[in-house]
N, C-alpha and C. Protein backbone atom coordinates (compact mmCIF):
# COMPACT_ATOMS: atom_id res chain seq x y z
N MET A 1 11.72 15.14 21.46
CA MET A 1 11.94 15.86 19.95
C MET A 1 10.50 17.39 19.51
N VAL A 2 10.93 18.60 19.30
CA VAL A 2 10.46 19.76 19.29
C VAL A 2 10.52 20.04 18.07
N PHE A 3 9.01 20.29 17.18
CA PHE A 3 9.40 20.38 15.42
C PHE A 3 8.87 21.66 15.47
N ASP A 4 9.48 22.58 14.56
CA ASP A 4 8.95 23.76 14.56
C ASP A 4 7.88 23.46 13.60
N ARG A 5 6.97 24.42 13.58
CA ARG A 5 6.31 24.96 12.52
C ARG A 5 6.48 24.09 10.97
N GLU A 6 7.70 24.44 10.64
CA GLU A 6 7.52 24.00 9.40
C GLU A 6 8.14 22.70 8.70
N GLU A 7 8.77 22.42 9.80
CA GLU A 7 9.31 21.53 10.18
C GLU A 7 7.97 20.51 10.02
N LYS A 8 7.20 20.47 11.37
CA LYS A 8 5.78 19.85 11.31
C LYS A 8 5.07 20.01 9.78
N LYS A 9 4.71 20.86 9.05
CA LYS A 9 4.28 21.25 8.01
C LYS A 9 4.93 19.58 7.27
N PHE A 10 6.69 20.29 6.79
CA PHE A 10 6.81 19.41 6.01
C PHE A 10 6.89 17.19 6.37
N VAL A 11 6.59 17.17 7.41
CA VAL A 11 6.48 15.75 8.26
C VAL A 11 4.55 15.88 7.44
N LEU A 12 3.78 16.43 7.91
CA LEU A 12 2.71 15.41 7.63
C LEU A 12 2.29 16.03 6.17
N ALA A 13 3.04 17.11 5.24
CA ALA A 13 2.75 17.18 4.07
C ALA A 13 3.60 15.34 3.41
N LYS A 14 4.52 15.55 3.74
CA LYS A 14 5.23 14.54 3.11
C LYS A 14 4.35 13.00 2.90
N GLN A 15 3.82 12.78 4.67
CA GLN A 15 2.51 12.03 4.53
C GLN A 15 1.62 11.74 3.69
N VAL A 16 0.84 12.81 3.76
CA VAL A 16 0.05 12.75 2.59
C VAL A 16 0.48 12.26 1.01
N LEU A 17 1.60 12.98 1.24
CA LEU A 17 2.28 12.55 -0.20
C LEU A 17 2.62 11.24 -0.62
N ARG A 18 2.75 10.16 0.81
CA ARG A 18 2.87 8.84 0.54
C ARG A 18 1.86 8.14 0.11
N SER A 19 1.32 8.47 1.41
CA SER A 19 -0.60 7.88 1.26
C SER A 19 -1.59 8.23 -0.13
N GLY A 20 -1.47 9.76 -0.50
CA GLY A 20 -1.45 9.99 -1.20
C GLY A 20 -1.80 9.25 -2.40
N THR A 21 -0.42 9.25 -2.79
CA THR A 21 0.56 8.76 -4.16
C THR A 21 0.46 7.52 -4.23
N SER A 22 0.32 6.60 -3.33
CA SER A 22 -0.39 5.22 -2.85
C SER A 22 -1.09 5.16 -3.32
N ILE A 23 -2.08 5.26 -3.62
CA ILE A 23 -3.58 5.46 -4.11
C ILE A 23 -3.36 4.92 -5.11
N GLY A 24 -3.31 5.77 -5.87
CA GLY A 24 -2.84 5.88 -7.62
C GLY A 24 -1.74 4.49 -7.71
N ALA A 25 -0.91 4.63 -7.28
CA ALA A 25 0.15 2.70 -7.82
C ALA A 25 -0.57 1.80 -7.47
N ASN A 26 -1.36 2.04 -5.81
CA ASN A 26 -2.59 0.06 -5.93
C ASN A 26 -3.25 0.38 -6.56
N ALA A 27 -3.87 0.97 -7.29
CA ALA A 27 -5.03 1.35 -8.03
C ALA A 27 -4.86 0.89 -9.47
N GLU A 28 -3.46 1.05 -10.17
CA GLU A 28 -2.77 0.52 -11.29
C GLU A 28 -2.63 -0.77 -11.02
N GLU A 29 -2.23 -1.38 -9.85
CA GLU A 29 -1.55 -2.62 -9.62
C GLU A 29 -3.19 -3.47 -9.76
N ALA A 30 -4.19 -3.48 -8.75
CA ALA A 30 -5.41 -3.65 -8.92
C ALA A 30 -5.99 -3.64 -10.40
N VAL A 31 -5.44 -3.48 -11.62
CA VAL A 31 -6.47 -3.17 -13.04
C VAL A 31 -5.20 -4.55 -13.58
N ALA A 32 -4.20 -4.17 -12.84
CA ALA A 32 -3.26 -5.93 -13.63
C ALA A 32 -3.08 -6.79 -12.64
N SER A 33 -4.22 -6.94 -12.15
CA SER A 33 -5.09 -8.08 -11.32
C SER A 33 -4.60 -9.11 -12.42
N ARG A 34 -4.12 -10.54 -11.13
CA ARG A 34 -4.72 -11.60 -12.20
C ARG A 34 -5.98 -12.54 -11.95
N SER A 35 -6.45 -12.11 -10.71
CA SER A 35 -7.93 -12.79 -10.51
C SER A 35 -8.67 -11.61 -9.76
N ARG A 36 -10.11 -12.20 -9.65
CA ARG A 36 -11.08 -11.41 -8.74
C ARG A 36 -10.27 -10.76 -7.61
N LYS A 37 -10.13 -11.66 -7.02
CA LYS A 37 -9.87 -12.05 -5.23
C LYS A 37 -8.60 -10.85 -5.62
N GLU A 38 -7.55 -10.78 -5.99
CA GLU A 38 -6.56 -9.90 -6.21
C GLU A 38 -6.57 -8.68 -6.59
N PHE A 39 -7.58 -8.88 -6.95
CA PHE A 39 -8.46 -7.25 -7.43
C PHE A 39 -8.89 -6.39 -6.41
N ILE A 40 -9.77 -7.38 -5.64
CA ILE A 40 -10.43 -6.92 -4.39
C ILE A 40 -9.47 -6.89 -3.68
N ALA A 41 -8.36 -7.55 -3.32
CA ALA A 41 -7.82 -6.79 -2.15
C ALA A 41 -6.47 -6.29 -2.14
N LYS A 42 -6.20 -5.81 -3.75
CA LYS A 42 -5.37 -4.98 -4.28
C LYS A 42 -6.14 -3.37 -3.67
N PHE A 43 -7.62 -3.32 -3.75
CA PHE A 43 -8.66 -2.34 -3.75
C PHE A 43 -8.85 -2.02 -2.46
N GLY A 44 -8.61 -3.08 -2.05
CA GLY A 44 -9.31 -2.69 -0.40
C GLY A 44 -7.77 -1.97 0.34
N ILE A 45 -6.29 -2.43 -0.54
CA ILE A 45 -5.63 -0.99 -0.15
C ILE A 45 -5.61 -0.10 -0.33
N VAL A 46 -6.25 0.18 -1.44
CA VAL A 46 -6.29 1.59 -1.79
C VAL A 46 -7.57 2.70 -0.99
N TYR A 47 -8.63 1.52 -0.45
CA TYR A 47 -9.64 2.25 0.03
C TYR A 47 -8.24 2.83 1.59
N SER A 48 -7.54 2.12 2.45
CA SER A 48 -6.83 1.80 2.93
C SER A 48 -6.19 3.00 3.57
N GLU A 49 -5.50 3.19 2.04
CA GLU A 49 -4.57 4.42 1.23
C GLU A 49 -4.86 6.03 1.87
N ALA A 50 -6.48 5.81 1.42
CA ALA A 50 -7.03 6.92 1.22
C ALA A 50 -7.66 7.51 2.47
N LYS A 51 -7.89 6.34 3.34
CA LYS A 51 -8.51 6.62 4.66
C LYS A 51 -7.27 7.57 5.55
N GLU A 52 -6.14 7.23 5.07
CA GLU A 52 -4.49 6.94 6.07
C GLU A 52 -4.73 8.32 5.25
N THR A 53 -4.66 8.56 3.82
CA THR A 53 -4.44 10.18 3.67
C THR A 53 -5.93 11.06 4.22
N LYS A 54 -7.02 10.83 4.32
CA LYS A 54 -7.86 11.85 5.31
C LYS A 54 -7.62 11.99 6.83
N TYR A 55 -6.92 11.25 7.19
CA TYR A 55 -6.62 11.42 8.36
C TYR A 55 -5.58 12.38 8.04
N TRP A 56 -4.25 12.70 7.73
CA TRP A 56 -2.87 13.27 7.56
C TRP A 56 -4.25 14.44 7.31
N LEU A 57 -4.55 15.11 5.96
CA LEU A 57 -4.95 15.90 5.58
C LEU A 57 -6.57 16.81 7.21
N ARG A 58 -6.28 15.01 8.03
CA ARG A 58 -7.38 16.04 9.45
C ARG A 58 -6.07 17.14 10.13
N LEU A 59 -5.38 15.93 9.92
CA LEU A 59 -4.27 16.94 11.05
C LEU A 59 -3.25 18.12 10.63
N LEU A 60 -2.96 17.77 9.13
CA LEU A 60 -2.80 18.84 8.92
C LEU A 60 -3.49 20.26 9.27
N LYS A 61 -5.51 20.02 9.55
CA LYS A 61 -6.49 21.16 9.48
C LYS A 61 -6.49 21.36 10.65
N GLU A 62 -6.25 20.46 12.09
CA GLU A 62 -5.75 21.06 13.43
C GLU A 62 -4.34 21.25 13.42
N THR A 63 -3.93 21.13 13.15
CA THR A 63 -2.67 21.57 13.66
C THR A 63 -2.41 23.57 12.99
N GLU A 64 -3.27 23.33 12.30
CA GLU A 64 -3.48 24.97 11.49
C GLU A 64 -2.40 24.88 10.77
N LEU A 65 -1.58 23.70 9.67
CA LEU A 65 -0.89 24.12 8.91
C LEU A 65 -1.40 24.36 7.09
N ILE A 66 -2.40 23.85 7.28
CA ILE A 66 -2.71 24.87 5.76
C ILE A 66 -4.08 25.27 6.26
N ASP A 67 -5.25 26.14 5.21
CA ASP A 67 -6.41 26.74 5.53
C ASP A 67 -7.73 26.22 5.45
N GLU A 68 -8.53 26.75 5.49
CA GLU A 68 -9.71 25.59 5.66
C GLU A 68 -10.53 25.77 4.61
N LYS A 69 -10.16 26.45 3.19
CA LYS A 69 -10.25 26.21 2.18
C LYS A 69 -9.62 24.81 1.20
N MET A 70 -8.59 25.29 1.43
CA MET A 70 -7.32 24.14 1.23
C MET A 70 -8.00 22.49 1.71
N PHE A 71 -7.75 22.52 3.26
CA PHE A 71 -8.53 21.43 3.78
C PHE A 71 -9.63 20.92 2.74
N LEU A 72 -10.74 21.92 2.67
CA LEU A 72 -11.97 21.15 2.00
C LEU A 72 -11.71 21.22 0.73
N SER A 73 -11.18 21.06 0.22
CA SER A 73 -11.26 21.27 -1.02
C SER A 73 -10.40 20.08 -0.70
N LEU A 74 -9.52 19.26 -0.24
CA LEU A 74 -8.65 18.61 -0.32
C LEU A 74 -9.32 17.68 -0.21
N LEU A 75 -9.90 17.39 1.07
CA LEU A 75 -11.16 16.33 2.32
C LEU A 75 -12.30 16.25 0.78
N ASP A 76 -12.91 17.14 0.46
CA ASP A 76 -14.42 16.40 -0.90
C ASP A 76 -13.20 15.49 -1.87
N ASP A 77 -12.67 16.01 -2.34
CA ASP A 77 -11.78 15.32 -3.36
C ASP A 77 -11.28 13.66 -2.67
N CYS A 78 -10.56 13.53 -1.78
CA CYS A 78 -10.55 12.51 -0.45
C CYS A 78 -11.81 11.47 -0.53
N GLU A 79 -12.64 11.78 -0.06
CA GLU A 79 -13.76 11.40 0.52
C GLU A 79 -14.39 10.60 -0.94
N GLU A 80 -14.29 11.84 -2.08
CA GLU A 80 -14.80 11.10 -3.58
C GLU A 80 -14.49 9.94 -3.71
N ILE A 81 -12.97 10.10 -3.50
CA ILE A 81 -11.79 9.43 -4.00
C ILE A 81 -12.56 7.71 -3.26
N ILE A 82 -13.15 8.13 -1.97
CA ILE A 82 -12.97 6.91 -0.92
C ILE A 82 -14.44 6.46 -1.01
N LYS A 83 -15.54 7.00 -1.63
CA LYS A 83 -16.70 6.49 -2.13
C LYS A 83 -16.50 5.51 -3.20
N ILE A 84 -15.77 6.25 -4.31
CA ILE A 84 -15.61 5.36 -5.59
C ILE A 84 -15.17 4.12 -5.47
N VAL A 85 -13.64 4.20 -4.21
CA VAL A 85 -13.30 2.57 -4.26
C VAL A 85 -14.01 1.44 -3.24
N PHE A 86 -15.10 2.37 -2.63
CA PHE A 86 -15.70 1.28 -1.59
C PHE A 86 -17.18 0.65 -2.98
N LYS A 87 -17.12 1.42 -3.87
CA LYS A 87 -18.39 0.73 -4.76
C LYS A 87 -17.53 -0.11 -5.64
N ILE A 88 -16.56 0.26 -5.87
CA ILE A 88 -15.34 -0.86 -6.84
C ILE A 88 -15.40 -1.81 -5.96
N ILE A 89 -15.23 -2.05 -5.27
CA ILE A 89 -15.21 -3.11 -4.63
C ILE A 89 -16.66 -3.82 -3.61
N GLU A 90 -16.99 -3.38 -3.21
CA GLU A 90 -18.56 -3.65 -3.22
C GLU A 90 -18.90 -4.71 -5.01
N SER A 91 -18.94 -3.92 -5.84
CA SER A 91 -19.84 -4.09 -6.93
C SER A 91 -18.78 -5.06 -7.60
N SER A 92 -17.89 -5.38 -7.28
CA SER A 92 -16.48 -6.67 -7.53
C SER A 92 -17.15 -7.79 -7.11
N LYS A 93 -17.62 -8.01 -5.62
CA LYS A 93 -17.41 -8.94 -4.67
C LYS A 93 -18.97 -9.83 -5.53
């Protein structure tokens, strides 16, 4: 199966949207946790989704489907989220 440029962009953008919105959804679930263990586990999912989002962003850039400026802005935001979530997990242990 061969995708044209717009199909590739759509597929990858859909993946970024899916993993990116999962970050917020799982963070909301974590806030509603009934225990510290559950809270940490949910934020572990948040961390994984943020790392996955970073992967999809890199793929968008490497395939030249987004420009350098947009990539760097989104990557910076994603890396900040990863750092914050890591600190939340570490401080909750």
